[in-house]
C-alpha atoms as a PDB file:
ATOM      1  CA  UNK A   1      19.875 -41.759  75.680  1.00  0.00           C
ATOM      2  CA  UNK A   2      21.013 -43.357  78.736  1.00  0.00           C
ATOM      3  CA  UNK A   3      23.980 -41.336  79.662  1.00  0.00           C
ATOM      4  CA  UNK A   4      25.187 -38.349  78.322  1.00  0.00           C
ATOM      5  CA  UNK A   5      27.704 -35.338  78.612  1.00  0.00           C
ATOM      6  CA  UNK A   6      26.494 -31.767  78.008  1.00  0.00           C
ATOM      7  CA  UNK A   7      29.542 -29.433  76.803  1.00  0.00           C
ATOM      8  CA  UNK A   8      28.677 -25.868  77.043  1.00  0.00           C
ATOM      9  CA  UNK A   9      30.865 -22.571  76.006  1.00  0.00           C
ATOM     10  CA  UNK A  10      29.510 -20.205  78.906  1.00  0.00           C
ATOM     11  CA  UNK A  11      30.329 -17.021  77.130  1.00  0.00           C
ATOM     12  CA  UNK A  12      28.391 -18.225  73.783  1.00  0.00           C
ATOM     13  CA  UNK A  13      25.170 -16.232  72.850  1.00  0.00           C
ATOM     14  CA  UNK A  14      26.615 -13.309  74.772  1.00  0.00           C
ATOM     15  CA  UNK A  15      26.395 -15.265  78.036  1.00  0.00           C
ATOM     16  CA  UNK A  16      22.917 -17.079  77.159  1.00  0.00           C
ATOM     17  CA  UNK A  17      24.728 -20.734  76.541  1.00  0.00           C
ATOM     18  CA  UNK A  18      25.103 -21.043  80.533  1.00  0.00           C
ATOM     19  CA  UNK A  19      21.574 -20.583  80.988  1.00  0.00           C
ATOM     20  CA  UNK A  20      20.371 -22.549  78.343  1.00  0.00           C
ATOM     21  CA  UNK A  21      22.843 -25.323  79.164  1.00  0.00           C
ATOM     22  CA  UNK A  22      21.704 -25.427  82.610  1.00  0.00           C
ATOM     23  CA  UNK A  23      17.762 -25.696  81.413  1.00  0.00           C
ATOM     24  CA  UNK A  24      18.692 -28.499  79.291  1.00  0.00           C
ATOM     25  CA  UNK A  25      20.687 -30.334  81.812  1.00  0.00           C
ATOM     26  CA  UNK A  26      17.725 -29.944  84.462  1.00  0.00           C
ATOM     27  CA  UNK A  27      15.165 -31.001  81.413  1.00  0.00           C
ATOM     28  CA  UNK A  28      17.267 -34.172  80.755  1.00  0.00           C
ATOM     29  CA  UNK A  29      17.859 -35.268  84.553  1.00  0.00           C
ATOM     30  CA  UNK A  30      14.273 -34.649  85.326  1.00  0.00           C
ATOM     31  CA  UNK A  31      13.223 -36.983  82.516  1.00  0.00           C
ATOM     32  CA  UNK A  32      15.290 -39.631  84.228  1.00  0.00           C
ATOM     33  CA  UNK A  33      18.676 -39.364  82.101  1.00  0.00           C
ATOM     34  CA  UNK A  34      21.900 -39.555  83.965  1.00  0.00           C
ATOM     35  CA  UNK A  35      24.572 -37.360  82.843  1.00  0.00           C
ATOM     36  CA  UNK A  36      26.835 -34.311  83.669  1.00  0.00           C
ATOM     37  CA  UNK A  37      27.443 -30.744  82.544  1.00  0.00           C
ATOM     38  CA  UNK A  38      30.726 -29.265  81.843  1.00  0.00           C
ATOM     39  CA  UNK A  39      31.698 -25.756  80.758  1.00  0.00           C
ATOM     40  CA  UNK A  40      34.715 -24.724  78.793  1.00  0.00           C
ATOM     41  CA  UNK A  41      37.186 -22.048  79.925  1.00  0.00           C
ATOM     42  CA  UNK A  42      39.817 -22.216  77.058  1.00  0.00           C
ATOM     43  CA  UNK A  43      40.018 -23.320  73.289  1.00  0.00           C
ATOM     44  CA  UNK A  44      40.211 -27.014  72.672  1.00  0.00           C
ATOM     45  CA  UNK A  45      38.352 -27.827  76.087  1.00  0.00           C
ATOM     46  CA  UNK A  46      35.169 -29.009  74.233  1.00  0.00           C
ATOM     47  CA  UNK A  47      37.224 -31.487  72.124  1.00  0.00           C
ATOM     48  CA  UNK A  48      39.167 -32.861  74.975  1.00  0.00           C
ATOM     49  CA  UNK A  49      35.889 -33.108  77.249  1.00  0.00           C
ATOM     50  CA  UNK A  50      34.386 -34.779  74.335  1.00  0.00           C
ATOM     51  CA  UNK A  51      36.914 -37.400  73.772  1.00  0.00           C
ATOM     52  CA  UNK A  52      37.265 -38.391  77.578  1.00  0.00           C
ATOM     53  CA  UNK A  53      33.342 -38.826  77.711  1.00  0.00           C
ATOM     54  CA  UNK A  54      33.170 -41.351  74.441  1.00  0.00           C
ATOM     55  CA  UNK A  55      36.401 -43.201  75.818  1.00  0.00           C
ATOM     56  CA  UNK A  56      34.492 -43.769  79.218  1.00  0.00           C
ATOM     57  CA  UNK A  57      31.429 -45.139  77.254  1.00  0.00           C
ATOM     58  CA  UNK A  58      29.384 -42.081  76.873  1.00  0.00           C
ATOM     59  CA  UNK A  59      26.942 -42.268  73.890  1.00  0.00           C
ATOM     60  CA  UNK A  60      25.451 -39.182  73.583  1.00  0.00           C
ATOM     61  CA  UNK A  61      27.613 -35.764  73.474  1.00  0.00           C
ATOM     62  CA  UNK A  62      25.588 -32.405  73.552  1.00  0.00           C
ATOM     63  CA  UNK A  63      27.328 -29.339  72.463  1.00  0.00           C
ATOM     64  CA  UNK A  64      25.901 -26.006  73.900  1.00  0.00           C
ATOM     65  CA  UNK A  65      27.424 -23.142  71.944  1.00  0.00           C
ATOM     66  CA  UNK A  66      28.535 -21.532  68.877  1.00  0.00           C
ATOM     67  CA  UNK A  67      30.002 -23.259  65.608  1.00  0.00           C
ATOM     68  CA  UNK A  68      33.340 -23.350  67.015  1.00  0.00           C
ATOM     69  CA  UNK A  69      32.360 -25.305  70.269  1.00  0.00           C
ATOM     70  CA  UNK A  70      30.318 -27.645  67.721  1.00  0.00           C
ATOM     71  CA  UNK A  71      33.542 -28.040  65.625  1.00  0.00           C
ATOM     72  CA  UNK A  72      35.767 -29.197  68.698  1.00  0.00           C
ATOM     73  CA  UNK A  73      32.715 -31.431  69.930  1.00  0.00           C
ATOM     74  CA  UNK A  74      32.746 -33.145  66.735  1.00  0.00           C
ATOM     75  CA  UNK A  75      36.445 -33.496  66.346  1.00  0.00           C
ATOM     76  CA  UNK A  76      36.554 -35.026  70.028  1.00  0.00           C
ATOM     77  CA  UNK A  77      33.631 -38.047  68.713  1.00  0.00           C
ATOM     78  CA  UNK A  78      34.384 -38.244  64.947  1.00  0.00           C
ATOM     79  CA  UNK A  79      34.669 -42.139  63.935  1.00  0.00           C
ATOM     80  CA  UNK A  80      33.934 -43.388  67.266  1.00  0.00           C
ATOM     81  CA  UNK A  81      30.607 -45.825  66.850  1.00  0.00           C
ATOM     82  CA  UNK A  82      27.788 -45.505  68.717  1.00  0.00           C
ATOM     83  CA  UNK A  83      27.976 -41.929  69.646  1.00  0.00           C
ATOM     84  CA  UNK A  84      25.090 -39.694  69.037  1.00  0.00           C
ATOM     85  CA  UNK A  85      25.304 -35.776  68.651  1.00  0.00           C
ATOM     86  CA  UNK A  86      23.107 -33.466  70.190  1.00  0.00           C
ATOM     87  CA  UNK A  87      23.094 -29.481  69.425  1.00  0.00           C
ATOM     88  CA  UNK A  88      21.977 -26.368  71.501  1.00  0.00           C
ATOM     89  CA  UNK A  89      22.738 -23.863  68.821  1.00  0.00           C
ATOM     90  CA  UNK A  90      23.701 -20.624  70.969  1.00  0.00           C
ATOM     91  CA  UNK A  91      26.187 -18.850  68.367  1.00  0.00           C
ATOM     92  CA  UNK A  92      26.634 -16.492  65.600  1.00  0.00           C
ATOM     93  CA  UNK A  93      26.453 -18.913  62.488  1.00  0.00           C
ATOM     94  CA  UNK A  94      24.550 -21.853  63.560  1.00  0.00           C
ATOM     95  CA  UNK A  95      24.820 -23.131  60.059  1.00  0.00           C
ATOM     96  CA  UNK A  96      24.654 -26.803  60.950  1.00  0.00           C
ATOM     97  CA  UNK A  97      21.703 -26.606  63.398  1.00  0.00           C
ATOM     98  CA  UNK A  98      19.990 -25.074  60.213  1.00  0.00           C
ATOM     99  CA  UNK A  99      20.586 -28.018  58.099  1.00  0.00           C
ATOM    100  CA  UNK A 100      19.353 -30.199  60.454  1.00  0.00           C
ATOM    101  CA  UNK A 101      16.378 -28.450  61.459  1.00  0.00           C
ATOM    102  CA  UNK A 102      17.111 -27.832  64.970  1.00  0.00           C
ATOM    103  CA  UNK A 103      15.207 -24.978  66.115  1.00  0.00           C
ATOM    104  CA  UNK A 104      17.108 -21.915  67.299  1.00  0.00           C
ATOM    105  CA  UNK A 105      14.706 -21.397  70.265  1.00  0.00           C
ATOM    106  CA  UNK A 106      16.193 -22.916  73.474  1.00  0.00           C
ATOM    107  CA  UNK A 107      12.868 -24.613  74.485  1.00  0.00           C
ATOM    108  CA  UNK A 108      12.306 -26.329  71.004  1.00  0.00           C
ATOM    109  CA  UNK A 109      16.021 -27.397  70.912  1.00  0.00           C
ATOM    110  CA  UNK A 110      16.216 -28.906  74.289  1.00  0.00           C
ATOM    111  CA  UNK A 111      12.701 -30.838  73.315  1.00  0.00           C
ATOM    112  CA  UNK A 112      14.741 -32.005  70.156  1.00  0.00           C
ATOM    113  CA  UNK A 113      17.042 -33.757  72.825  1.00  0.00           C
ATOM    114  CA  UNK A 114      14.222 -35.198  74.498  1.00  0.00           C
ATOM    115  CA  UNK A 115      11.975 -36.255  71.595  1.00  0.00           C
ATOM    116  CA  UNK A 116      14.181 -36.124  68.423  1.00  0.00           C
ATOM    117  CA  UNK A 117      15.038 -38.669  66.149  1.00  0.00           C
ATOM    118  CA  UNK A 118      18.895 -39.539  65.305  1.00  0.00           C
ATOM    119  CA  UNK A 119      19.639 -39.208  61.954  1.00  0.00           C
ATOM    120  CA  UNK A 120      22.949 -40.023  59.870  1.00  0.00           C
ATOM    121  CA  UNK A 121      24.535 -37.465  58.262  1.00  0.00           C
ATOM    122  CA  UNK A 122      28.197 -36.619  56.180  1.00  0.00           C
ATOM    123  CA  UNK A 123      30.948 -36.067  57.770  1.00  0.00           C
ATOM    124  CA  UNK A 124      33.974 -34.292  56.299  1.00  0.00           C
ATOM    125  CA  UNK A 125      37.780 -34.718  56.778  1.00  0.00           C
ATOM    126  CA  UNK A 126      40.579 -32.101  55.705  1.00  0.00           C
ATOM    127  CA  UNK A 127      44.076 -33.236  55.683  1.00  0.00           C
ATOM    128  CA  UNK A 128      47.606 -31.969  54.762  1.00  0.00           C
ATOM    129  CA  UNK A 129      48.720 -34.128  51.678  1.00  0.00           C
ATOM    130  CA  UNK A 130      52.280 -33.768  51.936  1.00  0.00           C
ATOM    131  CA  UNK A 131      52.262 -35.486  55.307  1.00  0.00           C
ATOM    132  CA  UNK A 132      50.994 -38.795  53.897  1.00  0.00           C
ATOM    133  CA  UNK A 133      53.190 -41.777  53.120  1.00  0.00           C
ATOM    134  CA  UNK A 134      53.751 -42.031  49.684  1.00  0.00           C
ATOM    135  CA  UNK A 135      52.023 -38.457  48.552  1.00  0.00           C
ATOM    136  CA  UNK A 136      54.720 -35.768  47.056  1.00  0.00           C
ATOM    137  CA  UNK A 137      53.771 -32.521  46.083  1.00  0.00           C
ATOM    138  CA  UNK A 138      56.029 -30.108  44.397  1.00  0.00           C
ATOM    139  CA  UNK A 139      55.283 -26.426  43.193  1.00  0.00           C
ATOM    140  CA  UNK A 140      57.517 -24.892  40.457  1.00  0.00           C
ATOM    141  CA  UNK A 141      56.137 -20.910  39.920  1.00  0.00           C
ATOM    142  CA  UNK A 142      52.773 -21.427  38.379  1.00  0.00           C
ATOM    143  CA  UNK A 143      53.238 -24.982  37.222  1.00  0.00           C
ATOM    144  CA  UNK A 144      52.021 -27.353  39.966  1.00  0.00           C
ATOM    145  CA  UNK A 145      52.474 -30.973  39.640  1.00  0.00           C
ATOM    146  CA  UNK A 146      51.567 -34.109  41.682  1.00  0.00           C
ATOM    147  CA  UNK A 147      52.963 -37.497  41.805  1.00  0.00           C
ATOM    148  CA  UNK A 148      50.764 -40.387  43.574  1.00  0.00           C
ATOM    149  CA  UNK A 149      53.292 -42.916  44.418  1.00  0.00           C
ATOM    150  CA  UNK A 150      50.571 -44.967  46.230  1.00  0.00           C
ATOM    151  CA  UNK A 151      47.186 -44.699  44.412  1.00  0.00           C
ATOM    152  CA  UNK A 152      44.581 -42.581  47.051  1.00  0.00           C
ATOM    153  CA  UNK A 153      46.307 -42.839  50.114  1.00  0.00           C
ATOM    154  CA  UNK A 154      44.584 -42.969  52.961  1.00  0.00           C
ATOM    155  CA  UNK A 155      44.823 -40.356  55.931  1.00  0.00           C
ATOM    156  CA  UNK A 156      46.153 -41.707  59.229  1.00  0.00           C
ATOM    157  CA  UNK A 157      43.907 -42.273  61.770  1.00  0.00           C
ATOM    158  CA  UNK A 158      46.050 -42.589  64.926  1.00  0.00           C
ATOM    159  CA  UNK A 159      45.469 -39.622  67.238  1.00  0.00           C
ATOM    160  CA  UNK A 160      49.142 -39.739  68.371  1.00  0.00           C
ATOM    161  CA  UNK A 161      50.286 -38.355  64.811  1.00  0.00           C
ATOM    162  CA  UNK A 162      52.540 -35.221  64.982  1.00  0.00           C
ATOM    163  CA  UNK A 163      50.732 -31.665  65.263  1.00  0.00           C
ATOM    164  CA  UNK A 164      50.155 -30.039  61.897  1.00  0.00           C
ATOM    165  CA  UNK A 165      51.862 -26.331  62.290  1.00  0.00           C
ATOM    166  CA  UNK A 166      50.944 -23.230  60.339  1.00  0.00           C
ATOM    167  CA  UNK A 167      53.423 -21.035  58.325  1.00  0.00           C
ATOM    168  CA  UNK A 168      53.576 -19.214  61.603  1.00  0.00           C
ATOM    169  CA  UNK A 169      54.138 -22.105  63.769  1.00  0.00           C
ATOM    170  CA  UNK A 170      50.636 -22.069  65.178  1.00  0.00           C
ATOM    171  CA  UNK A 171      49.798 -25.853  65.985  1.00  0.00           C
ATOM    172  CA  UNK A 172      46.426 -26.554  64.042  1.00  0.00           C
ATOM    173  CA  UNK A 173      44.170 -29.474  65.133  1.00  0.00           C
ATOM    174  CA  UNK A 174      45.280 -32.854  63.958  1.00  0.00           C
ATOM    175  CA  UNK A 175      41.490 -34.300  63.875  1.00  0.00           C
ATOM    176  CA  UNK A 176      40.573 -32.569  60.798  1.00  0.00           C
ATOM    177  CA  UNK A 177      36.868 -33.185  60.887  1.00  0.00           C
ATOM    178  CA  UNK A 178      34.286 -30.603  59.615  1.00  0.00           C
ATOM    179  CA  UNK A 179      30.335 -31.055  59.414  1.00  0.00           C
ATOM    180  CA  UNK A 180      29.630 -27.549  57.297  1.00  0.00           C
ATOM    181  CA  UNK A 181      31.850 -26.149  54.404  1.00  0.00           C
ATOM    182  CA  UNK A 182      35.644 -25.914  53.902  1.00  0.00           C
ATOM    183  CA  UNK A 183      36.950 -23.193  52.486  1.00  0.00           C
ATOM    184  CA  UNK A 184      39.998 -22.020  50.678  1.00  0.00           C
ATOM    185  CA  UNK A 185      40.876 -18.682  49.218  1.00  0.00           C
ATOM    186  CA  UNK A 186      39.084 -15.471  49.743  1.00  0.00           C
ATOM    187  CA  UNK A 187      36.425 -16.999  52.143  1.00  0.00           C
ATOM    188  CA  UNK A 188      39.064 -18.435  54.190  1.00  0.00           C
ATOM    189  CA  UNK A 189      40.660 -14.963  54.920  1.00  0.00           C
ATOM    190  CA  UNK A 190      36.993 -13.945  55.424  1.00  0.00           C
ATOM    191  CA  UNK A 191      36.604 -16.641  58.125  1.00  0.00           C
ATOM    192  CA  UNK A 192      39.462 -15.667  59.841  1.00  0.00           C
ATOM    193  CA  UNK A 193      38.611 -12.129  59.793  1.00  0.00           C
ATOM    194  CA  UNK A 194      35.098 -12.968  61.153  1.00  0.00           C
ATOM    195  CA  UNK A 195      36.395 -15.369  63.868  1.00  0.00           C
ATOM    196  CA  UNK A 196      38.093 -12.746  65.877  1.00  0.00           C
ATOM    197  CA  UNK A 197      34.642 -10.707  65.958  1.00  0.00           C
ATOM    198  CA  UNK A 198      33.672  -7.052  65.694  1.00  0.00           C
ATOM    199  CA  UNK A 199      32.187  -4.706  68.562  1.00  0.00           C
ATOM    200  CA  UNK A 200      30.048  -3.237  65.810  1.00  0.00           C
ATOM    201  CA  UNK A 201      28.227  -6.250  64.137  1.00  0.00           C
ATOM    202  CA  UNK A 202      27.252  -9.711  65.095  1.00  0.00           C
ATOM    203  CA  UNK A 203      26.163 -12.986  63.695  1.00  0.00           C
ATOM    204  CA  UNK A 204      25.718 -12.722  59.641  1.00  0.00           C
ATOM    205  CA  UNK A 205      26.643  -9.001  59.817  1.00  0.00           C
ATOM    206  CA  UNK A 206      30.018  -9.695  61.128  1.00  0.00           C
ATOM    207  CA  UNK A 207      30.684 -12.247  58.335  1.00  0.00           C
ATOM    208  CA  UNK A 208      29.670  -9.394  55.836  1.00  0.00           C
ATOM    209  CA  UNK A 209      31.579  -6.850  57.295  1.00  0.00           C
ATOM    210  CA  UNK A 210      34.820  -9.353  57.092  1.00  0.00           C
ATOM    211  CA  UNK A 211      34.145  -9.925  53.353  1.00  0.00           C
ATOM    212  CA  UNK A 212      34.160  -6.055  52.703  1.00  0.00           C
ATOM    213  CA  UNK A 213      37.333  -5.790  54.371  1.00  0.00           C
ATOM    214  CA  UNK A 214      39.110  -8.522  53.154  1.00  0.00           C
ATOM    215  CA  UNK A 215      38.698  -7.075  49.866  1.00  0.00           C
ATOM    216  CA  UNK A 216      41.317  -4.297  50.418  1.00  0.00           C
ATOM    217  CA  UNK A 217      44.532  -6.676  50.456  1.00  0.00           C
ATOM    218  CA  UNK A 218      43.550 -10.239  49.048  1.00  0.00           C
ATOM    219  CA  UNK A 219      45.612 -11.422  46.369  1.00  0.00           C
ATOM    220  CA  UNK A 220      43.918 -14.373  44.319  1.00  0.00           C
ATOM    221  CA  UNK A 221      46.693 -17.568  44.559  1.00  0.00           C
ATOM    222  CA  UNK A 222      47.149 -19.950  41.667  1.00  0.00           C
ATOM    223  CA  UNK A 223      45.689 -23.347  42.474  1.00  0.00           C
ATOM    224  CA  UNK A 224      45.264 -26.973  40.950  1.00  0.00           C
ATOM    225  CA  UNK A 225      41.957 -28.583  42.252  1.00  0.00           C
ATOM    226  CA  UNK A 226      41.246 -32.147  41.431  1.00  0.00           C
ATOM    227  CA  UNK A 227      37.976 -34.103  42.146  1.00  0.00           C
ATOM    228  CA  UNK A 228      35.603 -36.293  40.417  1.00  0.00           C
ATOM    229  CA  UNK A 229      34.767 -33.477  38.206  1.00  0.00           C
ATOM    230  CA  UNK A 230      38.125 -33.303  36.838  1.00  0.00           C
ATOM    231  CA  UNK A 231      40.745 -30.765  37.235  1.00  0.00           C
ATOM    232  CA  UNK A 232      40.722 -26.764  37.675  1.00  0.00           C
ATOM    233  CA  UNK A 233      43.861 -24.768  37.201  1.00  0.00           C
ATOM    234  CA  UNK A 234      44.358 -20.802  37.496  1.00  0.00           C
ATOM    235  CA  UNK A 235      43.869 -18.150  39.706  1.00  0.00           C
ATOM    236  CA  UNK A 236      41.373 -18.666  42.380  1.00  0.00           C
ATOM    237  CA  UNK A 237      39.035 -16.226  44.387  1.00  0.00           C
ATOM    238  CA  UNK A 238      37.653 -19.128  46.266  1.00  0.00           C
ATOM    239  CA  UNK A 239      36.714 -22.611  46.577  1.00  0.00           C
ATOM    240  CA  UNK A 240      34.034 -23.795  49.002  1.00  0.00           C
ATOM    241  CA  UNK A 241      33.494 -27.376  49.730  1.00  0.00           C
ATOM    242  CA  UNK A 242      30.083 -28.117  51.349  1.00  0.00           C
ATOM    243  CA  UNK A 243      28.329 -30.856  53.217  1.00  0.00           C
ATOM    244  CA  UNK A 244      25.734 -28.329  54.168  1.00  0.00           C
ATOM    245  CA  UNK A 245      24.618 -25.331  51.615  1.00  0.00           C
ATOM    246  CA  UNK A 246      25.248 -22.339  53.544  1.00  0.00           C
ATOM    247  CA  UNK A 247      28.017 -20.550  55.590  1.00  0.00           C
ATOM    248  CA  UNK A 248      28.528 -17.203  57.413  1.00  0.00           C
ATOM    249  CA  UNK A 249      25.197 -17.690  59.092  1.00  0.00           C
ATOM    250  CA  UNK A 250      23.431 -17.733  55.871  1.00  0.00           C
ATOM    251  CA  UNK A 251      25.326 -17.231  52.650  1.00  0.00           C
ATOM    252  CA  UNK A 252      23.944 -19.887  50.345  1.00  0.00           C
ATOM    253  CA  UNK A 253      27.325 -20.547  48.799  1.00  0.00           C
ATOM    254  CA  UNK A 254      26.481 -24.160  47.741  1.00  0.00           C
ATOM    255  CA  UNK A 255      22.754 -23.862  47.324  1.00  0.00           C
ATOM    256  CA  UNK A 256      21.844 -27.549  46.405  1.00  0.00           C
ATOM    257  CA  UNK A 257      24.218 -29.314  48.986  1.00  0.00           C
ATOM    258  CA  UNK A 258      22.493 -32.210  51.134  1.00  0.00           C
ATOM    259  CA  UNK A 259      23.915 -33.314  54.271  1.00  0.00           C
ATOM    260  CA  UNK A 260      23.320 -36.892  53.523  1.00  0.00           C
ATOM    261  CA  UNK A 261      24.166 -37.537  49.935  1.00  0.00           C
ATOM    262  CA  UNK A 262      27.657 -38.675  50.194  1.00  0.00           C
ATOM    263  CA  UNK A 263      29.135 -35.888  48.220  1.00  0.00           C
ATOM    264  CA  UNK A 264      30.453 -32.440  48.640  1.00  0.00           C
ATOM    265  CA  UNK A 265      29.063 -29.615  46.393  1.00  0.00           C
ATOM    266  CA  UNK A 266      32.071 -27.370  45.331  1.00  0.00           C
ATOM    267  CA  UNK A 267      31.667 -23.731  44.216  1.00  0.00           C
ATOM    268  CA  UNK A 268      34.729 -22.223  42.413  1.00  0.00           C
ATOM    269  CA  UNK A 269      35.008 -18.721  41.697  1.00  0.00           C
ATOM    270  CA  UNK A 270      37.575 -17.129  39.450  1.00  0.00           C
ATOM    271  CA  UNK A 271      38.863 -13.795  40.460  1.00  0.00           C
ATOM    272  CA  UNK A 272      36.587 -10.920  39.451  1.00  0.00           C
ATOM    273  CA  UNK A 273      36.560  -6.832  40.420  1.00  0.00           C
ATOM    274  CA  UNK A 274      36.109  -6.254  43.987  1.00  0.00           C
ATOM    275  CA  UNK A 275      32.740  -4.605  42.762  1.00  0.00           C
ATOM    276  CA  UNK A 276      31.543  -7.700  41.097  1.00  0.00           C
ATOM    277  CA  UNK A 277      32.669  -9.532  44.746  1.00  0.00           C
ATOM    278  CA  UNK A 278      30.034  -7.281  46.363  1.00  0.00           C
ATOM    279  CA  UNK A 279      27.277  -8.156  43.952  1.00  0.00           C
ATOM    280  CA  UNK A 280      28.005 -11.791  44.139  1.00  0.00           C
ATOM    281  CA  UNK A 281      27.778 -11.639  47.907  1.00  0.00           C
ATOM    282  CA  UNK A 282      24.061  -9.945  47.899  1.00  0.00           C
ATOM    283  CA  UNK A 283      23.289 -13.287  45.595  1.00  0.00           C
ATOM    284  CA  UNK A 284      24.539 -15.496  47.989  1.00  0.00           C
ATOM    285  CA  UNK A 285      21.546 -15.092  50.275  1.00  0.00           C
ATOM    286  CA  UNK A 286      19.423 -17.030  47.844  1.00  0.00           C
ATOM    287  CA  UNK A 287      22.195 -18.897  45.816  1.00  0.00           C
ATOM    288  CA  UNK A 288      21.944 -16.221  42.734  1.00  0.00           C
ATOM    289  CA  UNK A 289      25.379 -16.079  42.163  1.00  0.00           C
ATOM    290  CA  UNK A 290      25.671 -19.898  40.692  1.00  0.00           C
ATOM    291  CA  UNK A 291      24.570 -18.452  37.107  1.00  0.00           C
ATOM    292  CA  UNK A 292      27.691 -16.058  37.010  1.00  0.00           C
ATOM    293  CA  UNK A 293      29.968 -16.667  34.305  1.00  0.00           C
ATOM    294  CA  UNK A 294      33.137 -16.594  36.877  1.00  0.00           C
ATOM    295  CA  UNK A 295      31.254 -19.568  38.736  1.00  0.00           C
ATOM    296  CA  UNK A 296      31.441 -23.253  38.518  1.00  0.00           C
ATOM    297  CA  UNK A 297      29.473 -25.755  40.742  1.00  0.00           C
ATOM    298  CA  UNK A 298      30.592 -29.350  40.696  1.00  0.00           C
ATOM    299  CA  UNK A 299      29.980 -32.371  43.140  1.00  0.00           C
ATOM    300  CA  UNK A 300      32.730 -34.797  44.094  1.00  0.00           C
ATOM    301  CA  UNK A 301      33.820 -37.220  47.012  1.00  0.00           C
ATOM    302  CA  UNK A 302      37.471 -35.804  47.312  1.00  0.00           C
ATOM    303  CA  UNK A 303      39.163 -32.918  46.402  1.00  0.00           C
ATOM    304  CA  UNK A 304      42.674 -32.251  46.369  1.00  0.00           C
ATOM    305  CA  UNK A 305      44.318 -28.565  46.537  1.00  0.00           C
ATOM    306  CA  UNK A 306      47.384 -27.460  45.636  1.00  0.00           C
ATOM    307  CA  UNK A 307      48.730 -23.728  45.628  1.00  0.00           C
ATOM    308  CA  UNK A 308      51.615 -21.958  44.573  1.00  0.00           C
ATOM    309  CA  UNK A 309      52.287 -20.977  48.326  1.00  0.00           C
ATOM    310  CA  UNK A 310      51.185 -22.689  51.330  1.00  0.00           C
ATOM    311  CA  UNK A 311      47.307 -21.763  52.235  1.00  0.00           C
ATOM    312  CA  UNK A 312      45.614 -22.365  55.139  1.00  0.00           C
ATOM    313  CA  UNK A 313      42.202 -23.720  54.763  1.00  0.00           C
ATOM    314  CA  UNK A 314      39.159 -23.364  57.092  1.00  0.00           C
ATOM    315  CA  UNK A 315      36.187 -25.520  58.043  1.00  0.00           C
ATOM    316  CA  UNK A 316      33.051 -24.856  60.235  1.00  0.00           C
ATOM    317  CA  UNK A 317      34.870 -21.407  60.128  1.00  0.00           C
ATOM    318  CA  UNK A 318      38.185 -22.898  62.133  1.00  0.00           C
ATOM    319  CA  UNK A 319      41.512 -23.253  60.948  1.00  0.00           C
ATOM    320  CA  UNK A 320      42.165 -26.573  59.424  1.00  0.00           C
ATOM    321  CA  UNK A 321      45.327 -27.279  57.574  1.00  0.00           C
ATOM    322  CA  UNK A 322      47.718 -26.040  55.010  1.00  0.00           C
ATOM    323  CA  UNK A 323      47.837 -26.924  51.687  1.00  0.00           C
ATOM    324  CA  UNK A 324      48.571 -29.082  49.742  1.00  0.00           C
ATOM    325  CA  UNK A 325      45.568 -30.395  51.160  1.00  0.00           C
ATOM    326  CA  UNK A 326      42.659 -33.394  50.536  1.00  0.00           C
ATOM    327  CA  UNK A 327      39.539 -33.059  51.671  1.00  0.00           C
ATOM    328  CA  UNK A 328      37.207 -36.349  51.545  1.00  0.00           C
ATOM    329  CA  UNK A 329      33.608 -37.090  52.253  1.00  0.00           C
ATOM    330  CA  UNK A 330      32.794 -39.688  55.038  1.00  0.00           C
ATOM    331  CA  UNK A 331      28.978 -40.806  54.044  1.00  0.00           C
ATOM    332  CA  UNK A 332      26.919 -41.330  57.257  1.00  0.00           C
ATOM    333  CA  UNK A 333      29.798 -40.631  59.354  1.00  0.00           C
ATOM    334  CA  UNK A 334      28.045 -38.712  62.046  1.00  0.00           C
ATOM    335  CA  UNK A 335      24.732 -39.488  63.803  1.00  0.00           C
ATOM    336  CA  UNK A 336      23.034 -36.186  65.325  1.00  0.00           C
ATOM    337  CA  UNK A 337      19.429 -35.841  66.984  1.00  0.00           C
ATOM    338  CA  UNK A 338      17.014 -33.968  64.965  1.00  0.00           C
ATOM    339  CA  UNK A 339      13.271 -33.188  65.113  1.00  0.00           C
ATOM    340  CA  UNK A 340      10.718 -35.860  64.238  1.00  0.00           C
END
């Protein structure tokens, strides 16, 4: 770690991120490393800071904040060679930090930056399939058909590609990389509501509250999912595609997922009653839902998703792209500092 940039969201962790970042910066510079500490003030700042830093040759990028800050930083450095990610978890979920084994205590997390070891973990990418050359998707009622004019089209890597817009004309990031779990269906709506926060709950409790709230209006879409496991077609409660095994601060939706096996673990849940959803939520804390008859578990390197109407996908708790979408794994696509 000859040079570094530490990117911090000063309001994360109820304002504790600012102090943690300053402690980490002091520890790094006192140990002889050279770098800078920058604070975000708006959405998109973390991605921009990270992208500018690596373009200037910075090889160590440290994110201090919640999952949103980490997501932006990853999208700023994804696919850039010889760059190592450092993580100072200080937010609601911290699911990626848990998967890597990074401690939540600030002193221990800072020690990981100083004396940890770099490891390679998988990286996910999600993109709108209809924007790819040679790829055409059509939906007629509940009959979803896909024509691949070119086999396995690759997503563009040009950062100057046109921005992706949601149905309400809201711009989505064009650098759709993620490090935890991509969601489609019910859990996407839960992520959207949880990201707004609530004055009553924080952390995992806020996710659980959003899950209950979503039950009152969620209508299962008709989907077609295709991966290495084959094809799933029909109404859907949710489909979670994970590199890590948990989201929402502790819900183990894909309990057997490994961050470095080059495979996504996919949990597909068919529509069930609201009462059953509540029961399944309780079992998510230990992965007990996998034995339910409405649940199927799969592994795949890619997943294509088509829906009867465009649906927004989330990953790392952040909006990504709309369906039709393709999700693909990049094996060992990210280097992160982990405890020895």
